[in-house]
Amino acid sequence: MSLEKRIENSITRVFKAVFPNTTNHYDTLFGGTAMQLMDEVAFITATRFSRQKMVTVSSDKIDFNKPIPHGTIVELIGKVTYLGNTSLKVRVEIFIEQMYDDTREKAVTGEFTFVAIGEDKSAVKIISN
C-alpha cells in the first residue's frame, strides 16, 4: 500500500459533546481536557498507521485559537504529517459545531510526536509495508 493511502486510511475522527463536567469556571472546555482528547486521537491515528506499539514523546505546539463552550459538539481529526525511521508526527485539529445549527469552526490545532517501541520498550523501526 502506498504511503498516501496508509495516511488516508489512518485518519481518525472522534466526536464528543462538551458537557459542564468538562468545563472551567468560564463554561469552556478545560485546556487539559482538550489536550488529553487530542493525545488520545493522535495515539489512535499513529497506531492505525503503523499497527505497532506507539508512545507519545512530545506535544510540539498546541494553539488554542477559540474557546470551546459547553453545550457544543467537538470533532477531533488526527492525520499523520511526518514519517521518520522510528517516529512519526500527527496533527490533531478540534472543530466546534453548534448543536442546533450547522455552524462549524476550527478551535485548536496541535502536533504530537510518537515513537514505535519494541518489547523491551526501546525505539524500533516503523514498518513500511
Foldseek 3Di string as FASTA:
>chain_A
DDLVVLQVQLKDKDKDAAAQVQDDPVQFGDPVVVVVVQVVSQLSSVCSSQVFDKDWDDWDDKDFADTHHHQWMKMKIWTWDADDFFKTKIKIWIWTAHPPDGDIDTGMIIMIMMGGADPVRDGHGRDDD
